[in-house]
């Protein structure tokens, strides 16, 4: 699949190669507090194990150096049965 962006953010379109590495990574869930309506709270948790990231081409409005330096602070999604072969 060819990836592209429609328009550039402040960081411009760039590509990250596939990588496998280990660091704490975050998971975030939305916990419904009950009742009627949109009363949700964020619940965050984290753990460490080797995991992969497929290559991605994207753009964003925050600094690319900040993206790379603070990668381990971002929420990640993985197939926890096989986290180094996850599709995401």
PDB file of N, CA and C in Angstrom:
ATOM      1  N   UNK A   1       0.842  -1.169   0.000  1.00  0.00           N
ATOM      2  CA  UNK A   1       0.000   0.000   0.000  1.00  0.00           C
ATOM      3  C   UNK A   1       0.892   1.238   0.000  1.00  0.00           C
ATOM      4  N   UNK A   2       0.635   2.166  -0.873  1.00  0.00           N
ATOM      5  CA  UNK A   2       1.361   3.418  -0.932  1.00  0.00           C
ATOM      6  C   UNK A   2       0.706   4.409   0.013  1.00  0.00           C
ATOM      7  N   UNK A   3       1.515   4.999   0.886  1.00  0.00           N
ATOM      8  CA  UNK A   3       1.008   6.000   1.817  1.00  0.00           C
ATOM      9  C   UNK A   3       1.364   7.390   1.312  1.00  0.00           C
ATOM     10  N   UNK A   4       0.506   8.356   1.617  1.00  0.00           N
ATOM     11  CA  UNK A   4       0.751   9.736   1.257  1.00  0.00           C
ATOM     12  C   UNK A   4      -0.034  10.613   2.218  1.00  0.00           C
ATOM     13  N   UNK A   5       0.190  11.890   2.150  1.00  0.00           N
ATOM     14  CA  UNK A   5      -0.621  12.835   2.911  1.00  0.00           C
ATOM     15  C   UNK A   5      -1.274  13.802   1.940  1.00  0.00           C
ATOM     16  N   UNK A   6      -2.418  14.297   2.317  1.00  0.00           N
ATOM     17  CA  UNK A   6      -3.078  15.358   1.551  1.00  0.00           C
ATOM     18  C   UNK A   6      -2.801  16.661   2.278  1.00  0.00           C
ATOM     19  N   UNK A   7      -1.744  17.331   1.890  1.00  0.00           N
ATOM     20  CA  UNK A   7      -1.341  18.558   2.551  1.00  0.00           C
ATOM     21  C   UNK A   7      -0.280  18.287   3.600  1.00  0.00           C
ATOM     22  N   UNK A   8       0.539  19.277   3.871  1.00  0.00           N
ATOM     23  CA  UNK A   8       1.609  19.165   4.843  1.00  0.00           C
ATOM     24  C   UNK A   8       1.271  19.935   6.105  1.00  0.00           C
ATOM     25  N   UNK A   9       1.613  19.341   7.235  1.00  0.00           N
ATOM     26  CA  UNK A   9       1.554  20.058   8.500  1.00  0.00           C
ATOM     27  C   UNK A   9       2.833  20.857   8.671  1.00  0.00           C
ATOM     28  N   UNK A  10       3.028  21.423   9.833  1.00  0.00           N
ATOM     29  CA  UNK A  10       4.214  22.237  10.104  1.00  0.00           C
ATOM     30  C   UNK A  10       5.490  21.412   9.993  1.00  0.00           C
ATOM     31  N   UNK A  11       5.428  20.114  10.308  1.00  0.00           N
ATOM     32  CA  UNK A  11       6.611  19.247  10.212  1.00  0.00           C
ATOM     33  C   UNK A  11       6.813  18.748   8.787  1.00  0.00           C
ATOM     34  N   UNK A  12       5.825  18.869   7.941  1.00  0.00           N
ATOM     35  CA  UNK A  12       5.948  18.384   6.569  1.00  0.00           C
ATOM     36  C   UNK A  12       5.806  16.879   6.487  1.00  0.00           C
ATOM     37  N   UNK A  13       5.556  16.384   5.297  1.00  0.00           N
ATOM     38  CA  UNK A  13       5.411  14.945   5.086  1.00  0.00           C
ATOM     39  C   UNK A  13       6.768  14.275   5.239  1.00  0.00           C
ATOM     40  N   UNK A  14       6.802  13.191   5.998  1.00  0.00           N
ATOM     41  CA  UNK A  14       8.029  12.433   6.199  1.00  0.00           C
ATOM     42  C   UNK A  14       7.686  10.972   6.435  1.00  0.00           C
ATOM     43  N   UNK A  15       8.685  10.120   6.286  1.00  0.00           N
ATOM     44  CA  UNK A  15       8.481   8.670   6.414  1.00  0.00           C
ATOM     45  C   UNK A  15       9.367   8.117   7.510  1.00  0.00           C
ATOM     46  N   UNK A  16       8.766   7.274   8.355  1.00  0.00           N
ATOM     47  CA  UNK A  16       9.512   6.531   9.368  1.00  0.00           C
ATOM     48  C   UNK A  16       9.638   5.095   8.880  1.00  0.00           C
ATOM     49  N   UNK A  17      10.826   4.521   8.909  1.00  0.00           N
ATOM     50  CA  UNK A  17      10.986   3.131   8.486  1.00  0.00           C
ATOM     51  C   UNK A  17      10.418   2.185   9.546  1.00  0.00           C
ATOM     52  N   UNK A  18      10.172   0.932   9.177  1.00  0.00           N
ATOM     53  CA  UNK A  18       9.737  -0.047  10.170  1.00  0.00           C
ATOM     54  C   UNK A  18      10.809  -0.194  11.257  1.00  0.00           C
ATOM     55  N   UNK A  19      10.366  -0.446  12.479  1.00  0.00           N
ATOM     56  CA  UNK A  19      11.311  -0.599  13.585  1.00  0.00           C
ATOM     57  C   UNK A  19      10.739  -1.581  14.610  1.00  0.00           C
ATOM     58  N   UNK A  20      11.618  -2.316  15.251  1.00  0.00           N
ATOM     59  CA  UNK A  20      11.257  -3.145  16.406  1.00  0.00           C
ATOM     60  C   UNK A  20      12.111  -2.659  17.561  1.00  0.00           C
ATOM     61  N   UNK A  21      11.480  -2.352  18.681  1.00  0.00           N
ATOM     62  CA  UNK A  21      12.222  -1.868  19.837  1.00  0.00           C
ATOM     63  C   UNK A  21      11.452  -2.142  21.122  1.00  0.00           C
ATOM     64  N   UNK A  22      12.057  -1.750  22.241  1.00  0.00           N
ATOM     65  CA  UNK A  22      11.466  -1.977  23.554  1.00  0.00           C
ATOM     66  C   UNK A  22      11.454  -0.667  24.327  1.00  0.00           C
ATOM     67  N   UNK A  23      10.327  -0.322  24.895  1.00  0.00           N
ATOM     68  CA  UNK A  23      10.199   0.794  25.833  1.00  0.00           C
ATOM     69  C   UNK A  23       8.825   0.692  26.468  1.00  0.00           C
ATOM     70  N   UNK A  24       8.624   1.394  27.585  1.00  0.00           N
ATOM     71  CA  UNK A  24       7.272   1.491  28.120  1.00  0.00           C
ATOM     72  C   UNK A  24       6.371   2.026  27.024  1.00  0.00           C
ATOM     73  N   UNK A  25       5.207   1.466  26.905  1.00  0.00           N
ATOM     74  CA  UNK A  25       4.227   2.076  26.013  1.00  0.00           C
ATOM     75  C   UNK A  25       2.875   2.112  26.696  1.00  0.00           C
ATOM     76  N   UNK A  26       2.122   3.110  26.324  1.00  0.00           N
ATOM     77  CA  UNK A  26       0.876   3.457  26.995  1.00  0.00           C
ATOM     78  C   UNK A  26      -0.329   2.897  26.275  1.00  0.00           C
ATOM     79  N   UNK A  27      -1.315   2.564  27.057  1.00  0.00           N
ATOM     80  CA  UNK A  27      -2.637   2.194  26.558  1.00  0.00           C
ATOM     81  C   UNK A  27      -3.639   3.110  27.238  1.00  0.00           C
ATOM     82  N   UNK A  28      -4.630   3.545  26.501  1.00  0.00           N
ATOM     83  CA  UNK A  28      -5.641   4.451  27.038  1.00  0.00           C
ATOM     84  C   UNK A  28      -7.012   3.863  26.750  1.00  0.00           C
ATOM     85  N   UNK A  29      -7.854   3.817  27.769  1.00  0.00           N
ATOM     86  CA  UNK A  29      -9.229   3.372  27.565  1.00  0.00           C
ATOM     87  C   UNK A  29     -10.177   4.488  28.003  1.00  0.00           C
ATOM     88  N   UNK A  30     -11.385   4.419  27.505  1.00  0.00           N
ATOM     89  CA  UNK A  30     -12.421   5.363  27.905  1.00  0.00           C
ATOM     90  C   UNK A  30     -13.380   4.602  28.823  1.00  0.00           C
ATOM     91  N   UNK A  31     -13.427   5.005  30.080  1.00  0.00           N
ATOM     92  CA  UNK A  31     -14.263   4.351  31.090  1.00  0.00           C
ATOM     93  C   UNK A  31     -15.534   5.160  31.279  1.00  0.00           C
ATOM     94  N   UNK A  32     -16.678   4.511  31.012  1.00  0.00           N
ATOM     95  CA  UNK A  32     -17.961   5.191  31.180  1.00  0.00           C
ATOM     96  C   UNK A  32     -18.325   5.198  32.651  1.00  0.00           C
ATOM     97  N   UNK A  33     -18.646   6.370  33.167  1.00  0.00           N
ATOM     98  CA  UNK A  33     -18.939   6.521  34.592  1.00  0.00           C
ATOM     99  C   UNK A  33     -20.357   6.113  34.964  1.00  0.00           C
ATOM    100  N   UNK A  34     -21.149   5.692  33.994  1.00  0.00           N
ATOM    101  CA  UNK A  34     -22.517   5.280  34.266  1.00  0.00           C
ATOM    102  C   UNK A  34     -23.500   6.383  33.937  1.00  0.00           C
ATOM    103  N   UNK A  35     -24.748   6.034  33.969  1.00  0.00           N
ATOM    104  CA  UNK A  35     -25.770   7.038  33.688  1.00  0.00           C
ATOM    105  C   UNK A  35     -25.919   7.279  32.198  1.00  0.00           C
ATOM    106  N   UNK A  36     -26.676   8.307  31.899  1.00  0.00           N
ATOM    107  CA  UNK A  36     -26.961   8.656  30.520  1.00  0.00           C
ATOM    108  C   UNK A  36     -26.018   9.777  30.101  1.00  0.00           C
ATOM    109  N   UNK A  37     -25.564   9.708  28.885  1.00  0.00           N
ATOM    110  CA  UNK A  37     -24.736  10.799  28.382  1.00  0.00           C
ATOM    111  C   UNK A  37     -23.313  10.378  28.108  1.00  0.00           C
ATOM    112  N   UNK A  38     -22.480  11.362  27.965  1.00  0.00           N
ATOM    113  CA  UNK A  38     -21.099  11.150  27.539  1.00  0.00           C
ATOM    114  C   UNK A  38     -20.116  11.337  28.690  1.00  0.00           C
ATOM    115  N   UNK A  39     -20.410  10.765  29.826  1.00  0.00           N
ATOM    116  CA  UNK A  39     -19.565  10.945  30.996  1.00  0.00           C
ATOM    117  C   UNK A  39     -18.490   9.869  31.027  1.00  0.00           C
ATOM    118  N   UNK A  40     -17.332  10.153  30.390  1.00  0.00           N
ATOM    119  CA  UNK A  40     -16.227   9.210  30.310  1.00  0.00           C
ATOM    120  C   UNK A  40     -14.999   9.788  30.996  1.00  0.00           C
ATOM    121  N   UNK A  41     -14.165   8.913  31.499  1.00  0.00           N
ATOM    122  CA  UNK A  41     -12.857   9.322  31.985  1.00  0.00           C
ATOM    123  C   UNK A  41     -11.793   8.517  31.246  1.00  0.00           C
ATOM    124  N   UNK A  42     -10.614   9.119  31.056  1.00  0.00           N
ATOM    125  CA  UNK A  42      -9.496   8.401  30.455  1.00  0.00           C
ATOM    126  C   UNK A  42      -8.816   7.579  31.538  1.00  0.00           C
ATOM    127  N   UNK A  43      -8.552   6.335  31.233  1.00  0.00           N
ATOM    128  CA  UNK A  43      -7.751   5.486  32.112  1.00  0.00           C
ATOM    129  C   UNK A  43      -6.533   5.042  31.328  1.00  0.00           C
ATOM    130  N   UNK A  44      -5.372   5.333  31.860  1.00  0.00           N
ATOM    131  CA  UNK A  44      -4.124   5.010  31.178  1.00  0.00           C
ATOM    132  C   UNK A  44      -3.367   3.943  31.963  1.00  0.00           C
ATOM    133  N   UNK A  45      -2.706   3.073  31.223  1.00  0.00           N
ATOM    134  CA  UNK A  45      -1.817   2.091  31.824  1.00  0.00           C
ATOM    135  C   UNK A  45      -0.674   1.840  30.864  1.00  0.00           C
ATOM    136  N   UNK A  46       0.397   1.231  31.350  1.00  0.00           N
ATOM    137  CA  UNK A  46       1.580   1.041  30.517  1.00  0.00           C
ATOM    138  C   UNK A  46       2.299  -0.228  30.923  1.00  0.00           C
ATOM    139  N   UNK A  47       3.087  -0.713  30.021  1.00  0.00           N
ATOM    140  CA  UNK A  47       3.972  -1.841  30.271  1.00  0.00           C
ATOM    141  C   UNK A  47       5.078  -1.834  29.233  1.00  0.00           C
ATOM    142  N   UNK A  48       6.030  -2.745  29.400  1.00  0.00           N
ATOM    143  CA  UNK A  48       7.205  -2.792  28.532  1.00  0.00           C
ATOM    144  C   UNK A  48       7.351  -4.169  27.929  1.00  0.00           C
ATOM    145  N   UNK A  49       7.536  -4.223  26.640  1.00  0.00           N
ATOM    146  CA  UNK A  49       7.939  -5.446  25.939  1.00  0.00           C
ATOM    147  C   UNK A  49       8.384  -5.053  24.541  1.00  0.00           C
ATOM    148  N   UNK A  50       9.120  -5.926  23.897  1.00  0.00           N
ATOM    149  CA  UNK A  50       9.513  -5.664  22.514  1.00  0.00           C
ATOM    150  C   UNK A  50       8.251  -5.562  21.660  1.00  0.00           C
ATOM    151  N   UNK A  51       8.231  -4.606  20.748  1.00  0.00           N
ATOM    152  CA  UNK A  51       7.090  -4.425  19.852  1.00  0.00           C
ATOM    153  C   UNK A  51       7.581  -3.775  18.561  1.00  0.00           C
ATOM    154  N   UNK A  52       6.745  -3.821  17.557  1.00  0.00           N
ATOM    155  CA  UNK A  52       7.137  -3.260  16.268  1.00  0.00           C
ATOM    156  C   UNK A  52       6.257  -2.077  15.894  1.00  0.00           C
ATOM    157  N   UNK A  53       6.758  -1.319  14.961  1.00  0.00           N
ATOM    158  CA  UNK A  53       5.977  -0.278  14.282  1.00  0.00           C
ATOM    159  C   UNK A  53       6.249  -0.446  12.793  1.00  0.00           C
ATOM    160  N   UNK A  54       5.214  -0.577  12.018  1.00  0.00           N
ATOM    161  CA  UNK A  54       5.393  -0.609  10.573  1.00  0.00           C
ATOM    162  C   UNK A  54       5.838   0.758  10.082  1.00  0.00           C
ATOM    163  N   UNK A  55       6.395   0.788   8.890  1.00  0.00           N
ATOM    164  CA  UNK A  55       6.755   2.059   8.297  1.00  0.00           C
ATOM    165  C   UNK A  55       5.522   2.924   8.098  1.00  0.00           C
ATOM    166  N   UNK A  56       5.694   4.225   8.229  1.00  0.00           N
ATOM    167  CA  UNK A  56       4.551   5.122   8.068  1.00  0.00           C
ATOM    168  C   UNK A  56       5.014   6.430   7.436  1.00  0.00           C
ATOM    169  N   UNK A  57       4.210   6.923   6.514  1.00  0.00           N
ATOM    170  CA  UNK A  57       4.396   8.247   5.946  1.00  0.00           C
ATOM    171  C   UNK A  57       3.271   9.111   6.481  1.00  0.00           C
ATOM    172  N   UNK A  58       3.619  10.242   7.092  1.00  0.00           N
ATOM    173  CA  UNK A  58       2.592  11.100   7.676  1.00  0.00           C
ATOM    174  C   UNK A  58       3.100  12.530   7.810  1.00  0.00           C
ATOM    175  N   UNK A  59       2.231  13.400   8.276  1.00  0.00           N
ATOM    176  CA  UNK A  59       2.559  14.794   8.536  1.00  0.00           C
ATOM    177  C   UNK A  59       1.851  15.193   9.825  1.00  0.00           C
ATOM    178  N   UNK A  60       2.325  16.231  10.482  1.00  0.00           N
ATOM    179  CA  UNK A  60       1.705  16.707  11.713  1.00  0.00           C
ATOM    180  C   UNK A  60       2.139  18.132  11.986  1.00  0.00           C
ATOM    181  N   UNK A  61       1.498  18.754  12.969  1.00  0.00           N
ATOM    182  CA  UNK A  61       1.779  20.151  13.289  1.00  0.00           C
ATOM    183  C   UNK A  61       2.750  20.321  14.448  1.00  0.00           C
ATOM    184  N   UNK A  62       3.191  19.249  15.080  1.00  0.00           N
ATOM    185  CA  UNK A  62       4.199  19.369  16.132  1.00  0.00           C
ATOM    186  C   UNK A  62       5.563  19.034  15.538  1.00  0.00           C
ATOM    187  N   UNK A  63       6.602  19.402  16.252  1.00  0.00           N
ATOM    188  CA  UNK A  63       7.973  19.294  15.774  1.00  0.00           C
ATOM    189  C   UNK A  63       8.392  17.841  15.577  1.00  0.00           C
ATOM    190  N   UNK A  64       9.042  17.533  14.459  1.00  0.00           N
ATOM    191  CA  UNK A  64       9.476  16.161  14.169  1.00  0.00           C
ATOM    192  C   UNK A  64      10.517  15.680  15.177  1.00  0.00           C
ATOM    193  N   UNK A  65      11.392  16.562  15.638  1.00  0.00           N
ATOM    194  CA  UNK A  65      12.376  16.181  16.659  1.00  0.00           C
ATOM    195  C   UNK A  65      11.669  15.772  17.946  1.00  0.00           C
ATOM    196  N   UNK A  66      10.612  16.507  18.316  1.00  0.00           N
ATOM    197  CA  UNK A  66       9.819  16.169  19.496  1.00  0.00           C
ATOM    198  C   UNK A  66       9.143  14.811  19.320  1.00  0.00           C
ATOM    199  N   UNK A  67       8.657  14.541  18.115  1.00  0.00           N
ATOM    200  CA  UNK A  67       8.021  13.251  17.824  1.00  0.00           C
ATOM    201  C   UNK A  67       8.986  12.098  18.101  1.00  0.00           C
ATOM    202  N   UNK A  68      10.209  12.220  17.626  1.00  0.00           N
ATOM    203  CA  UNK A  68      11.191  11.153  17.792  1.00  0.00           C
ATOM    204  C   UNK A  68      11.690  11.064  19.230  1.00  0.00           C
ATOM    205  N   UNK A  69      11.913  12.209  19.866  1.00  0.00           N
ATOM    206  CA  UNK A  69      12.448  12.235  21.223  1.00  0.00           C
ATOM    207  C   UNK A  69      11.437  11.710  22.243  1.00  0.00           C
ATOM    208  N   UNK A  70      10.150  11.945  22.002  1.00  0.00           N
ATOM    209  CA  UNK A  70       9.122  11.577  22.981  1.00  0.00           C
ATOM    210  C   UNK A  70       8.233  10.428  22.512  1.00  0.00           C
ATOM    211  N   UNK A  71       8.716   9.646  21.578  1.00  0.00           N
ATOM    212  CA  UNK A  71       7.946   8.522  21.053  1.00  0.00           C
ATOM    213  C   UNK A  71       7.438   7.604  22.163  1.00  0.00           C
ATOM    214  N   UNK A  72       8.268   7.358  23.172  1.00  0.00           N
ATOM    215  CA  UNK A  72       7.878   6.419  24.229  1.00  0.00           C
ATOM    216  C   UNK A  72       6.797   6.966  25.150  1.00  0.00           C
ATOM    217  N   UNK A  73       6.362   8.204  24.956  1.00  0.00           N
ATOM    218  CA  UNK A  73       5.270   8.764  25.751  1.00  0.00           C
ATOM    219  C   UNK A  73       3.920   8.647  25.039  1.00  0.00           C
ATOM    220  N   UNK A  74       3.920   8.104  23.824  1.00  0.00           N
ATOM    221  CA  UNK A  74       2.694   7.993  23.040  1.00  0.00           C
ATOM    222  C   UNK A  74       1.991   6.662  23.305  1.00  0.00           C
ATOM    223  N   UNK A  75       0.681   6.685  23.210  1.00  0.00           N
ATOM    224  CA  UNK A  75      -0.086   5.448  23.328  1.00  0.00           C
ATOM    225  C   UNK A  75       0.198   4.573  22.110  1.00  0.00           C
ATOM    226  N   UNK A  76       0.270   3.274  22.313  1.00  0.00           N
ATOM    227  CA  UNK A  76       0.554   2.324  21.247  1.00  0.00           C
ATOM    228  C   UNK A  76      -0.514   1.236  21.236  1.00  0.00           C
ATOM    229  N   UNK A  77      -0.752   0.682  20.080  1.00  0.00           N
ATOM    230  CA  UNK A  77      -1.653  -0.463  19.938  1.00  0.00           C
ATOM    231  C   UNK A  77      -0.850  -1.607  19.364  1.00  0.00           C
ATOM    232  N   UNK A  78      -0.950  -2.768  19.981  1.00  0.00           N
ATOM    233  CA  UNK A  78      -0.225  -3.941  19.514  1.00  0.00           C
ATOM    234  C   UNK A  78      -1.080  -5.179  19.679  1.00  0.00           C
ATOM    235  N   UNK A  79      -0.759  -6.197  18.905  1.00  0.00           N
ATOM    236  CA  UNK A  79      -1.299  -7.530  19.131  1.00  0.00           C
ATOM    237  C   UNK A  79      -0.460  -8.133  20.251  1.00  0.00           C
ATOM    238  N   UNK A  80      -0.979  -8.184  21.442  1.00  0.00           N
ATOM    239  CA  UNK A  80      -0.174  -8.624  22.569  1.00  0.00           C
ATOM    240  C   UNK A  80       0.120 -10.125  22.550  1.00  0.00           C
ATOM    241  N   UNK A  81      -0.536 -10.869  21.680  1.00  0.00           N
ATOM    242  CA  UNK A  81      -0.171 -12.277  21.515  1.00  0.00           C
ATOM    243  C   UNK A  81       1.125 -12.399  20.710  1.00  0.00           C
ATOM    244  N   UNK A  82       1.421 -11.403  19.899  1.00  0.00           N
ATOM    245  CA  UNK A  82       2.623 -11.421  19.059  1.00  0.00           C
ATOM    246  C   UNK A  82       3.035  -9.984  18.754  1.00  0.00           C
ATOM    247  N   UNK A  83       3.502  -9.234  19.770  1.00  0.00           N
ATOM    248  CA  UNK A  83       3.682  -7.790  19.619  1.00  0.00           C
ATOM    249  C   UNK A  83       4.775  -7.365  18.636  1.00  0.00           C
ATOM    250  N   UNK A  84       5.717  -8.256  18.301  1.00  0.00           N
ATOM    251  CA  UNK A  84       6.737  -7.859  17.338  1.00  0.00           C
ATOM    252  C   UNK A  84       6.292  -8.139  15.900  1.00  0.00           C
ATOM    253  N   UNK A  85       5.107  -8.689  15.736  1.00  0.00           N
ATOM    254  CA  UNK A  85       4.555  -8.943  14.398  1.00  0.00           C
ATOM    255  C   UNK A  85       3.205  -8.269  14.221  1.00  0.00           C
ATOM    256  N   UNK A  86       2.918  -7.242  15.044  1.00  0.00           N
ATOM    257  CA  UNK A  86       1.649  -6.547  14.946  1.00  0.00           C
ATOM    258  C   UNK A  86       1.512  -5.821  13.621  1.00  0.00           C
ATOM    259  N   UNK A  87       0.314  -5.721  13.085  1.00  0.00           N
ATOM    260  CA  UNK A  87       0.132  -5.009  11.833  1.00  0.00           C
ATOM    261  C   UNK A  87       0.191  -3.496  11.980  1.00  0.00           C
ATOM    262  N   UNK A  88       0.157  -2.963  13.214  1.00  0.00           N
ATOM    263  CA  UNK A  88       0.079  -1.518  13.402  1.00  0.00           C
ATOM    264  C   UNK A  88       1.276  -0.849  13.869  1.00  0.00           C
TER     265      UNK A  88
END
